[in-house]
PDB file of N, CA and C in Angstrom:
ATOM      1  N   MET A   1    -115.459   2.186   6.095  1.00  0.00           N
ATOM      2  CA  MET A   1    -114.144   2.735   6.417  1.00  0.00           C
ATOM      3  C   MET A   1    -113.136   1.592   6.490  1.00  0.00           C
ATOM      4  N   LYS A   2    -112.050   1.747   5.796  1.00  0.00           N
ATOM      5  CA  LYS A   2    -111.027   0.712   5.751  1.00  0.00           C
ATOM      6  C   LYS A   2    -109.993   0.952   6.851  1.00  0.00           C
ATOM      7  N   PHE A   3    -109.710  -0.094   7.611  1.00  0.00           N
ATOM      8  CA  PHE A   3    -108.747  -0.010   8.708  1.00  0.00           C
ATOM      9  C   PHE A   3    -107.386  -0.488   8.224  1.00  0.00           C
ATOM     10  N   SER A   4    -106.359   0.255   8.578  1.00  0.00           N
ATOM     11  CA  SER A   4    -104.993  -0.174   8.274  1.00  0.00           C
ATOM     12  C   SER A   4    -104.065   0.335   9.359  1.00  0.00           C
ATOM     13  N   ILE A   5    -102.948  -0.310   9.479  1.00  0.00           N
ATOM     14  CA  ILE A   5    -101.937   0.112  10.457  1.00  0.00           C
ATOM     15  C   ILE A   5    -101.437   1.513  10.113  1.00  0.00           C
ATOM     16  N   GLN A   6    -101.286   1.796   8.814  1.00  0.00           N
ATOM     17  CA  GLN A   6    -100.808   3.116   8.392  1.00  0.00           C
ATOM     18  C   GLN A   6    -101.780   4.211   8.805  1.00  0.00           C
ATOM     19  N   SER A   7    -103.085   3.966   8.662  1.00  0.00           N
ATOM     20  CA  SER A   7    -104.063   4.984   9.056  1.00  0.00           C
ATOM     21  C   SER A   7    -104.063   5.184  10.573  1.00  0.00           C
ATOM     22  N   LEU A   8    -103.878   4.108  11.323  1.00  0.00           N
ATOM     23  CA  LEU A   8    -103.787   4.215  12.776  1.00  0.00           C
ATOM     24  C   LEU A   8    -102.553   5.010  13.188  1.00  0.00           C
ATOM     25  N   TYR A   9    -101.432   4.734  12.539  1.00  0.00           N
ATOM     26  CA  TYR A   9    -100.190   5.468  12.821  1.00  0.00           C
ATOM     27  C   TYR A   9    -100.352   6.944  12.487  1.00  0.00           C
ATOM     28  N   THR A  10    -100.947   7.238  11.341  1.00  0.00           N
ATOM     29  CA  THR A  10    -101.131   8.627  10.925  1.00  0.00           C
ATOM     30  C   THR A  10    -102.029   9.366  11.912  1.00  0.00           C
ATOM     31  N   TRP A  11    -103.119   8.725  12.341  1.00  0.00           N
ATOM     32  CA  TRP A  11    -104.013   9.341  13.314  1.00  0.00           C
ATOM     33  C   TRP A  11    -103.272   9.609  14.625  1.00  0.00           C
ATOM     34  N   TYR A  12    -102.532   8.614  15.133  1.00  0.00           N
ATOM     35  CA  TYR A  12    -101.799   8.746  16.395  1.00  0.00           C
ATOM     36  C   TYR A  12    -100.784   9.879  16.307  1.00  0.00           C
ATOM     37  N   ARG A  13    -100.041   9.925  15.215  1.00  0.00           N
ATOM     38  CA  ARG A  13     -99.026  10.971  15.035  1.00  0.00           C
ATOM     39  C   ARG A  13     -99.665  12.351  14.981  1.00  0.00           C
ATOM     40  N   ASP A  14    -100.759  12.473  14.248  1.00  0.00           N
ATOM     41  CA  ASP A  14    -101.422  13.772  14.124  1.00  0.00           C
ATOM     42  C   ASP A  14    -101.985  14.244  15.458  1.00  0.00           C
ATOM     43  N   VAL A  15    -102.594  13.349  16.218  1.00  0.00           N
ATOM     44  CA  VAL A  15    -103.144  13.727  17.521  1.00  0.00           C
ATOM     45  C   VAL A  15    -102.020  14.084  18.486  1.00  0.00           C
ATOM     46  N   LEU A  16    -100.919  13.337  18.431  1.00  0.00           N
ATOM     47  CA  LEU A  16     -99.789  13.607  19.314  1.00  0.00           C
ATOM     48  C   LEU A  16     -99.128  14.942  18.983  1.00  0.00           C
ATOM     49  N   ARG A  17     -99.141  15.345  17.735  1.00  0.00           N
ATOM     50  CA  ARG A  17     -98.538  16.615  17.337  1.00  0.00           C
ATOM     51  C   ARG A  17     -99.438  17.817  17.645  1.00  0.00           C
ATOM     52  N   ASN A  18    -100.693  17.552  17.984  1.00  0.00           N
ATOM     53  CA  ASN A  18    -101.597  18.630  18.362  1.00  0.00           C
ATOM     54  C   ASN A  18    -101.324  18.998  19.816  1.00  0.00           C
ATOM     55  N   PRO A  19    -100.853  20.208  20.090  1.00  0.00           N
ATOM     56  CA  PRO A  19    -100.495  20.584  21.465  1.00  0.00           C
ATOM     57  C   PRO A  19    -101.662  20.479  22.451  1.00  0.00           C
ATOM     58  N   LYS A  20    -102.875  20.608  21.943  1.00  0.00           N
ATOM     59  CA  LYS A  20    -104.047  20.547  22.812  1.00  0.00           C
ATOM     60  C   LYS A  20    -104.239  19.151  23.408  1.00  0.00           C
ATOM     61  N   TYR A  21    -103.896  18.119  22.662  1.00  0.00           N
ATOM     62  CA  TYR A  21    -104.130  16.737  23.090  1.00  0.00           C
ATOM     63  C   TYR A  21    -102.856  15.968  23.431  1.00  0.00           C
ATOM     64  N   ARG A  22    -101.704  16.570  23.236  1.00  0.00           N
ATOM     65  CA  ARG A  22    -100.429  15.848  23.367  1.00  0.00           C
ATOM     66  C   ARG A  22    -100.268  15.135  24.700  1.00  0.00           C
ATOM     67  N   TRP A  23    -100.449  15.839  25.816  1.00  0.00           N
ATOM     68  CA  TRP A  23    -100.225  15.218  27.130  1.00  0.00           C
ATOM     69  C   TRP A  23    -101.273  14.158  27.426  1.00  0.00           C
ATOM     70  N   TRP A  24    -102.501  14.340  26.910  1.00  0.00           N
ATOM     71  CA  TRP A  24    -103.532  13.321  27.110  1.00  0.00           C
ATOM     72  C   TRP A  24    -103.176  12.038  26.365  1.00  0.00           C
ATOM     73  N   VAL A  25    -102.616  12.165  25.166  1.00  0.00           N
ATOM     74  CA  VAL A  25    -102.226  10.987  24.383  1.00  0.00           C
ATOM     75  C   VAL A  25    -101.059  10.273  25.059  1.00  0.00           C
ATOM     76  N   ILE A  26    -100.085  11.033  25.532  1.00  0.00           N
ATOM     77  CA  ILE A  26     -98.935  10.425  26.221  1.00  0.00           C
ATOM     78  C   ILE A  26     -99.394   9.717  27.484  1.00  0.00           C
ATOM     79  N   LEU A  27    -100.230  10.376  28.271  1.00  0.00           N
ATOM     80  CA  LEU A  27    -100.744   9.767  29.491  1.00  0.00           C
ATOM     81  C   LEU A  27    -101.593   8.528  29.173  1.00  0.00           C
ATOM     82  N   GLY A  28    -102.453   8.623  28.180  1.00  0.00           N
ATOM     83  CA  GLY A  28    -103.279   7.477  27.786  1.00  0.00           C
ATOM     84  C   GLY A  28    -102.452   6.302  27.312  1.00  0.00           C
ATOM     85  N   THR A  29    -101.398   6.576  26.572  1.00  0.00           N
ATOM     86  CA  THR A  29    -100.513   5.515  26.097  1.00  0.00           C
ATOM     87  C   THR A  29     -99.817   4.834  27.259  1.00  0.00           C
ATOM     88  N   LEU A  30     -99.314   5.608  28.211  1.00  0.00           N
ATOM     89  CA  LEU A  30     -98.639   5.023  29.371  1.00  0.00           C
ATOM     90  C   LEU A  30     -99.604   4.210  30.229  1.00  0.00           C
ATOM     91  N   VAL A  31    -100.838   4.695  30.384  1.00  0.00           N
ATOM     92  CA  VAL A  31    -101.839   3.938  31.146  1.00  0.00           C
ATOM     93  C   VAL A  31    -102.154   2.626  30.431  1.00  0.00           C
ATOM     94  N   TYR A  32    -102.269   2.665  29.110  1.00  0.00           N
ATOM     95  CA  TYR A  32    -102.536   1.449  28.336  1.00  0.00           C
ATOM     96  C   TYR A  32    -101.399   0.438  28.507  1.00  0.00           C
ATOM     97  N   LEU A  33    -100.168   0.931  28.529  1.00  0.00           N
ATOM     98  CA  LEU A  33     -99.012   0.027  28.640  1.00  0.00           C
ATOM     99  C   LEU A  33     -98.979  -0.699  29.983  1.00  0.00           C
ATOM    100  N   VAL A  34     -99.391  -0.040  31.055  1.00  0.00           N
ATOM    101  CA  VAL A  34     -99.351  -0.686  32.374  1.00  0.00           C
ATOM    102  C   VAL A  34    -100.675  -1.362  32.726  1.00  0.00           C
ATOM    103  N   SER A  35    -101.705  -1.126  31.929  1.00  0.00           N
ATOM    104  CA  SER A  35    -103.019  -1.700  32.194  1.00  0.00           C
ATOM    105  C   SER A  35    -103.051  -3.193  31.847  1.00  0.00           C
ATOM    106  N   PRO A  36    -103.759  -3.993  32.646  1.00  0.00           N
ATOM    107  CA  PRO A  36    -103.888  -5.419  32.310  1.00  0.00           C
ATOM    108  C   PRO A  36    -104.863  -5.654  31.155  1.00  0.00           C
ATOM    109  N   ILE A  37    -105.646  -4.633  30.787  1.00  0.00           N
ATOM    110  CA  ILE A  37    -106.594  -4.764  29.677  1.00  0.00           C
ATOM    111  C   ILE A  37    -105.896  -4.304  28.400  1.00  0.00           C
ATOM    112  N   ASP A  38    -105.698  -5.217  27.474  1.00  0.00           N
ATOM    113  CA  ASP A  38    -104.996  -4.949  26.226  1.00  0.00           C
ATOM    114  C   ASP A  38    -105.785  -5.518  25.057  1.00  0.00           C
ATOM    115  N   VAL A  39    -105.402  -5.081  23.852  1.00  0.00           N
ATOM    116  CA  VAL A  39    -105.944  -5.689  22.641  1.00  0.00           C
ATOM    117  C   VAL A  39    -105.454  -7.126  22.561  1.00  0.00           C
ATOM    118  N   LEU A  40    -104.180  -7.321  22.818  1.00  0.00           N
ATOM    119  CA  LEU A  40    -103.590  -8.654  22.906  1.00  0.00           C
ATOM    120  C   LEU A  40    -103.144  -8.849  24.351  1.00  0.00           C
ATOM    121  N   PRO A  41    -103.826  -9.702  25.115  1.00  0.00           N
ATOM    122  CA  PRO A  41    -103.504  -9.863  26.542  1.00  0.00           C
ATOM    123  C   PRO A  41    -102.047 -10.255  26.778  1.00  0.00           C
ATOM    124  N   ASP A  42    -101.458  -9.656  27.818  1.00  0.00           N
ATOM    125  CA  ASP A  42    -100.034  -9.863  28.099  1.00  0.00           C
ATOM    126  C   ASP A  42     -99.710 -11.263  28.607  1.00  0.00           C
ATOM    127  N   PHE A  43    -100.698 -12.009  29.077  1.00  0.00           N
ATOM    128  CA  PHE A  43    -100.392 -13.343  29.582  1.00  0.00           C
ATOM    129  C   PHE A  43    -100.105 -14.340  28.460  1.00  0.00           C
ATOM    130  N   ILE A  44    -100.378 -13.977  27.211  1.00  0.00           N
ATOM    131  CA  ILE A  44    -100.020 -14.827  26.073  1.00  0.00           C
ATOM    132  C   ILE A  44     -98.563 -14.522  25.728  1.00  0.00           C
ATOM    133  N   PRO A  45     -97.675 -15.518  25.835  1.00  0.00           N
ATOM    134  CA  PRO A  45     -96.247 -15.262  25.581  1.00  0.00           C
ATOM    135  C   PRO A  45     -96.006 -14.693  24.180  1.00  0.00           C
ATOM    136  N   VAL A  46     -95.114 -13.774  24.070  1.00  0.00           N
ATOM    137  CA  VAL A  46     -94.654 -13.079  22.868  1.00  0.00           C
ATOM    138  C   VAL A  46     -95.781 -12.296  22.192  1.00  0.00           C
ATOM    139  N   VAL A  47     -96.876 -12.939  21.829  1.00  0.00           N
ATOM    140  CA  VAL A  47     -97.967 -12.268  21.132  1.00  0.00           C
ATOM    141  C   VAL A  47     -98.560 -11.170  22.010  1.00  0.00           C
ATOM    142  N   GLY A  48     -98.626 -11.394  23.294  1.00  0.00           N
ATOM    143  CA  GLY A  48     -99.199 -10.425  24.211  1.00  0.00           C
ATOM    144  C   GLY A  48     -98.392  -9.148  24.334  1.00  0.00           C
ATOM    145  N   GLN A  49     -97.134  -9.213  24.018  1.00  0.00           N
ATOM    146  CA  GLN A  49     -96.281  -8.032  24.123  1.00  0.00           C
ATOM    147  C   GLN A  49     -96.170  -7.264  22.807  1.00  0.00           C
ATOM    148  N   ILE A  50     -96.697  -7.811  21.721  1.00  0.00           N
ATOM    149  CA  ILE A  50     -96.549  -7.163  20.413  1.00  0.00           C
ATOM    150  C   ILE A  50     -97.196  -5.785  20.398  1.00  0.00           C
ATOM    151  N   ASP A  51     -98.435  -5.682  20.877  1.00  0.00           N
ATOM    152  CA  ASP A  51     -99.094  -4.372  20.854  1.00  0.00           C
ATOM    153  C   ASP A  51     -98.403  -3.383  21.779  1.00  0.00           C
ATOM    154  N   ASP A  52     -97.897  -3.863  22.927  1.00  0.00           N
ATOM    155  CA  ASP A  52     -97.190  -2.969  23.844  1.00  0.00           C
ATOM    156  C   ASP A  52     -95.889  -2.455  23.238  1.00  0.00           C
ATOM    157  N   VAL A  53     -95.133  -3.341  22.615  1.00  0.00           N
ATOM    158  CA  VAL A  53     -93.867  -2.937  21.992  1.00  0.00           C
ATOM    159  C   VAL A  53     -94.133  -1.975  20.839  1.00  0.00           C
ATOM    160  N   PHE A  54     -95.151  -2.279  20.045  1.00  0.00           N
ATOM    161  CA  PHE A  54     -95.496  -1.398  18.921  1.00  0.00           C
ATOM    162  C   PHE A  54     -95.873  -0.002  19.420  1.00  0.00           C
ATOM    163  N   LEU A  55     -96.727   0.056  20.427  1.00  0.00           N
ATOM    164  CA  LEU A  55     -97.191   1.336  20.942  1.00  0.00           C
ATOM    165  C   LEU A  55     -96.064   2.102  21.632  1.00  0.00           C
ATOM    166  N   LEU A  56     -95.227   1.412  22.385  1.00  0.00           N
ATOM    167  CA  LEU A  56     -94.097   2.067  23.048  1.00  0.00           C
ATOM    168  C   LEU A  56     -93.104   2.608  22.021  1.00  0.00           C
ATOM    169  N   THR A  57     -92.838   1.831  20.975  1.00  0.00           N
ATOM    170  CA  THR A  57     -91.937   2.283  19.919  1.00  0.00           C
ATOM    171  C   THR A  57     -92.496   3.516  19.223  1.00  0.00           C
ATOM    172  N   LEU A  58     -93.778   3.483  18.939  1.00  0.00           N
ATOM    173  CA  LEU A  58     -94.431   4.620  18.296  1.00  0.00           C
ATOM    174  C   LEU A  58     -94.375   5.858  19.178  1.00  0.00           C
ATOM    175  N   LEU A  59     -94.666   5.693  20.455  1.00  0.00           N
ATOM    176  CA  LEU A  59     -94.632   6.821  21.387  1.00  0.00           C
ATOM    177  C   LEU A  59     -93.231   7.412  21.497  1.00  0.00           C
ATOM    178  N   VAL A  60     -92.240   6.572  21.680  1.00  0.00           N
ATOM    179  CA  VAL A  60     -90.863   7.056  21.842  1.00  0.00           C
ATOM    180  C   VAL A  60     -90.377   7.752  20.572  1.00  0.00           C
ATOM    181  N   SER A  61     -90.662   7.174  19.408  1.00  0.00           N
ATOM    182  CA  SER A  61     -90.184   7.793  18.167  1.00  0.00           C
ATOM    183  C   SER A  61     -90.854   9.134  17.915  1.00  0.00           C
ATOM    184  N   GLU A  62     -92.154   9.229  18.154  1.00  0.00           N
ATOM    185  CA  GLU A  62     -92.848  10.488  17.917  1.00  0.00           C
ATOM    186  C   GLU A  62     -92.471  11.560  18.939  1.00  0.00           C
ATOM    187  N   VAL A  63     -92.384  11.198  20.216  1.00  0.00           N
ATOM    188  CA  VAL A  63     -92.015  12.180  21.234  1.00  0.00           C
ATOM    189  C   VAL A  63     -90.575  12.649  21.026  1.00  0.00           C
ATOM    190  N   SER A  64     -89.679  11.725  20.686  1.00  0.00           N
ATOM    191  CA  SER A  64     -88.293  12.143  20.438  1.00  0.00           C
ATOM    192  C   SER A  64     -88.218  13.048  19.210  1.00  0.00           C
ATOM    193  N   GLY A  65     -89.046  12.773  18.204  1.00  0.00           N
ATOM    194  CA  GLY A  65     -89.093  13.658  17.036  1.00  0.00           C
ATOM    195  C   GLY A  65     -89.577  15.045  17.403  1.00  0.00           C
ATOM    196  N   LEU A  66     -90.595  15.117  18.263  1.00  0.00           N
ATOM    197  CA  LEU A  66     -91.095  16.415  18.719  1.00  0.00           C
ATOM    198  C   LEU A  66     -90.046  17.169  19.525  1.00  0.00           C
ATOM    199  N   VAL A  67     -89.318  16.446  20.369  1.00  0.00           N
ATOM    200  CA  VAL A  67     -88.269  17.079  21.177  1.00  0.00           C
ATOM    201  C   VAL A  67     -87.160  17.610  20.278  1.00  0.00           C
ATOM    202  N   ILE A  68     -86.769  16.828  19.294  1.00  0.00           N
ATOM    203  CA  ILE A  68     -85.706  17.265  18.376  1.00  0.00           C
ATOM    204  C   ILE A  68     -86.159  18.472  17.564  1.00  0.00           C
ATOM    205  N   GLU A  69     -87.404  18.456  17.078  1.00  0.00           N
ATOM    206  CA  GLU A  69     -87.922  19.611  16.337  1.00  0.00           C
ATOM    207  C   GLU A  69     -87.951  20.861  17.210  1.00  0.00           C
ATOM    208  N   GLY A  70     -88.393  20.692  18.457  1.00  0.00           N
ATOM    209  CA  GLY A  70     -88.423  21.831  19.382  1.00  0.00           C
ATOM    210  C   GLY A  70     -87.037  22.358  19.669  1.00  0.00           C
ATOM    211  N   TRP A  71     -86.097  21.458  19.828  1.00  0.00           N
ATOM    212  CA  TRP A  71     -84.718  21.860  20.092  1.00  0.00           C
ATOM    213  C   TRP A  71     -84.141  22.601  18.890  1.00  0.00           C
ATOM    214  N   LYS A  72     -84.397  22.088  17.691  1.00  0.00           N
ATOM    215  CA  LYS A  72     -83.896  22.755  16.483  1.00  0.00           C
ATOM    216  C   LYS A  72     -84.539  24.125  16.314  1.00  0.00           C
ATOM    217  N   ALA A  73     -85.831  24.221  16.635  1.00  0.00           N
ATOM    218  CA  ALA A  73     -86.511  25.511  16.506  1.00  0.00           C
ATOM    219  C   ALA A  73     -85.926  26.525  17.483  1.00  0.00           C
ATOM    220  N   ARG A  74     -85.688  26.086  18.726  1.00  0.00           N
ATOM    221  CA  ARG A  74     -85.094  26.993  19.707  1.00  0.00           C
ATOM    222  C   ARG A  74     -83.676  27.357  19.325  1.00  0.00           C
ATOM    223  N   LYS A  75     -82.933  26.402  18.834  1.00  0.00           N
ATOM    224  CA  LYS A  75     -81.556  26.661  18.421  1.00  0.00           C
ATOM    225  C   LYS A  75     -81.539  27.654  17.258  1.00  0.00           C
ATOM    226  N   GLY A  76     -82.472  27.510  16.326  1.00  0.00           N
ATOM    227  CA  GLY A  76     -82.571  28.444  15.205  1.00  0.00           C
ATOM    228  C   GLY A  76     -82.981  29.822  15.660  1.00  0.00           C
ATOM    229  N   ASP A  77     -83.902  29.911  16.616  1.00  0.00           N
ATOM    230  CA  ASP A  77     -84.342  31.207  17.135  1.00  0.00           C
ATOM    231  C   ASP A  77     -83.201  31.915  17.842  1.00  0.00           C
ATOM    232  N   VAL A  78     -82.439  31.170  18.644  1.00  0.00           N
ATOM    233  CA  VAL A  78     -81.317  31.760  19.371  1.00  0.00           C
ATOM    234  C   VAL A  78     -80.262  32.242  18.392  1.00  0.00           C
ATOM    235  N   GLY A  79     -80.007  31.502  17.333  1.00  0.00           N
ATOM    236  CA  GLY A  79     -78.997  31.879  16.349  1.00  0.00           C
ATOM    237  C   GLY A  79     -79.357  33.156  15.625  1.00  0.00           C
ATOM    238  N   THR A  80     -80.645  33.337  15.279  1.00  0.00           N
ATOM    239  CA  THR A  80     -81.033  34.560  14.587  1.00  0.00           C
ATOM    240  C   THR A  80     -81.038  35.744  15.532  1.00  0.00           C
ATOM    241  N   GLU A  81     -81.387  35.521  16.810  1.00  0.00           N
ATOM    242  CA  GLU A  81     -81.358  36.617  17.775  1.00  0.00           C
ATOM    243  C   GLU A  81     -79.933  37.109  17.987  1.00  0.00           C
ATOM    244  N   VAL A  82     -78.998  36.190  18.065  1.00  0.00           N
ATOM    245  CA  VAL A  82     -77.599  36.564  18.261  1.00  0.00           C
ATOM    246  C   VAL A  82     -77.092  37.312  17.035  1.00  0.00           C
ATOM    247  N   ALA A  83     -77.419  36.846  15.837  1.00  0.00           N
ATOM    248  CA  ALA A  83     -76.958  37.500  14.618  1.00  0.00           C
ATOM    249  C   ALA A  83     -77.598  38.881  14.471  1.00  0.00           C
ATOM    250  N   ASP A  84     -78.875  39.015  14.843  1.00  0.00           N
ATOM    251  CA  ASP A  84     -79.553  40.296  14.714  1.00  0.00           C
ATOM    252  C   ASP A  84     -79.077  41.301  15.755  1.00  0.00           C
ATOM    253  N   SER A  85     -78.713  40.836  16.944  1.00  0.00           N
ATOM    254  CA  SER A  85     -78.341  41.752  18.010  1.00  0.00           C
ATOM    255  C   SER A  85     -76.913  42.266  17.888  1.00  0.00           C
ATOM    256  N   SER A  86     -76.093  41.615  17.099  1.00  0.00           N
ATOM    257  CA  SER A  86     -74.708  42.078  16.964  1.00  0.00           C
ATOM    258  C   SER A  86     -74.634  43.083  15.813  1.00  0.00           C
ATOM    259  N   GLU A  87     -74.674  44.356  16.145  1.00  0.00           N
ATOM    260  CA  GLU A  87     -74.672  45.400  15.124  1.00  0.00           C
ATOM    261  C   GLU A  87     -73.289  45.606  14.529  1.00  0.00           C
ATOM    262  N   ALA A  88     -72.240  45.243  15.232  1.00  0.00           N
ATOM    263  CA  ALA A  88     -70.888  45.427  14.728  1.00  0.00           C
ATOM    264  C   ALA A  88     -70.530  44.364  13.693  1.00  0.00           C
ATOM    265  N   SER A  89     -71.297  43.309  13.616  1.00  0.00           N
ATOM    266  CA  SER A  89     -71.014  42.219  12.689  1.00  0.00           C
ATOM    267  C   SER A  89     -71.341  42.641  11.262  1.00  0.00           C
ATOM    268  N   THR A  90     -70.547  42.173  10.299  1.00  0.00           N
ATOM    269  CA  THR A  90     -70.784  42.504   8.896  1.00  0.00           C
ATOM    270  C   THR A  90     -71.644  41.461   8.210  1.00  0.00           C
ATOM    271  N   SER A  91     -72.031  40.389   8.926  1.00  0.00           N
ATOM    272  CA  SER A  91     -72.858  39.350   8.306  1.00  0.00           C
ATOM    273  C   SER A  91     -74.290  39.842   8.165  1.00  0.00           C
ATOM    274  N   THR A  92     -75.014  39.225   7.242  1.00  0.00           N
ATOM    275  CA  THR A  92     -76.396  39.619   6.987  1.00  0.00           C
ATOM    276  C   THR A  92     -77.371  38.933   7.931  1.00  0.00           C
ATOM    277  N   GLY A  93     -76.937  37.982   8.711  1.00  0.00           N
ATOM    278  CA  GLY A  93     -77.820  37.284   9.641  1.00  0.00           C
ATOM    279  C   GLY A  93     -78.496  36.082   9.024  1.00  0.00           C
ATOM    280  N   SER A  94     -78.233  35.815   7.743  1.00  0.00           N
ATOM    281  CA  SER A  94     -78.853  34.656   7.116  1.00  0.00           C
ATOM    282  C   SER A  94     -77.996  33.414   7.374  1.00  0.00           C
ATOM    283  N   THR A  95     -78.638  32.275   7.328  1.00  0.00           N
ATOM    284  CA  THR A  95     -77.968  31.018   7.605  1.00  0.00           C
ATOM    285  C   THR A  95     -77.883  30.205   6.327  1.00  0.00           C
ATOM    286  N   ILE A  96     -76.754  29.581   6.111  1.00  0.00           N
ATOM    287  CA  ILE A  96     -76.568  28.708   4.958  1.00  0.00           C
ATOM    288  C   ILE A  96     -76.288  27.318   5.479  1.00  0.00           C
ATOM    289  N   ASP A  97     -77.100  26.342   5.056  1.00  0.00           N
ATOM    290  CA  ASP A  97     -76.884  24.949   5.436  1.00  0.00           C
ATOM    291  C   ASP A  97     -75.995  24.291   4.411  1.00  0.00           C
ATOM    292  N   VAL A  98     -74.969  23.587   4.890  1.00  0.00           N
ATOM    293  CA  VAL A  98     -74.027  22.918   4.018  1.00  0.00           C
ATOM    294  C   VAL A  98     -73.943  21.467   4.427  1.00  0.00           C
ATOM    295  N   ASP A  99     -74.076  20.566   3.477  1.00  0.00           N
ATOM    296  CA  ASP A  99     -73.915  19.151   3.739  1.00  0.00           C
ATOM    297  C   ASP A  99     -72.459  18.775   3.454  1.00  0.00           C
ATOM    298  N   ALA A 100     -71.784  18.256   4.471  1.00  0.00           N
ATOM    299  CA  ALA A 100     -70.383  17.877   4.301  1.00  0.00           C
ATOM    300  C   ALA A 100     -70.300  16.398   3.922  1.00  0.00           C
ATOM    301  N   VAL A 101     -69.390  16.081   3.003  1.00  0.00           N
ATOM    302  CA  VAL A 101     -69.200  14.712   2.565  1.00  0.00           C
ATOM    303  C   VAL A 101     -67.739  14.371   2.753  1.00  0.00           C
ATOM    304  N   SER A 102     -67.493  13.225   3.380  1.00  0.00           N
ATOM    305  CA  SER A 102     -66.120  12.779   3.590  1.00  0.00           C
ATOM    306  C   SER A 102     -65.604  12.103   2.328  1.00  0.00           C
ATOM    307  N   VAL A 103     -64.409  12.493   1.891  1.00  0.00           N
ATOM    308  CA  VAL A 103     -63.794  11.916   0.702  1.00  0.00           C
ATOM    309  C   VAL A 103     -62.527  11.223   1.105  1.00  0.00           C
ATOM    310  N   LYS A 104     -62.408   9.968   0.749  1.00  0.00           N
ATOM    311  CA  LYS A 104     -61.211   9.198   1.107  1.00  0.00           C
ATOM    312  C   LYS A 104     -60.305   9.010  -0.077  1.00  0.00           C
TER     313      LYS A 104
END
């Protein structure tokens, strides 16, 4: 089995996106960050913080992505419920996404 940073990232992201294991991964990551036992010991200047910074960055980016996806999903659900519940409206309830471009 070949080890790579990309495969580690993919595994971490996939496990974090699984609702069954999500809180365990977040808790495990936080425990690892405060634990004195590391892959690269923290008492080594700069090098000791590399794994912590990498893991913290990965955790924050993935959790923020999950929060944004959840927020967008809820926002989309609320928008369709409002469109469906208004019977007096002449709209079909469908949404059209438009990308706006600024022209100078």
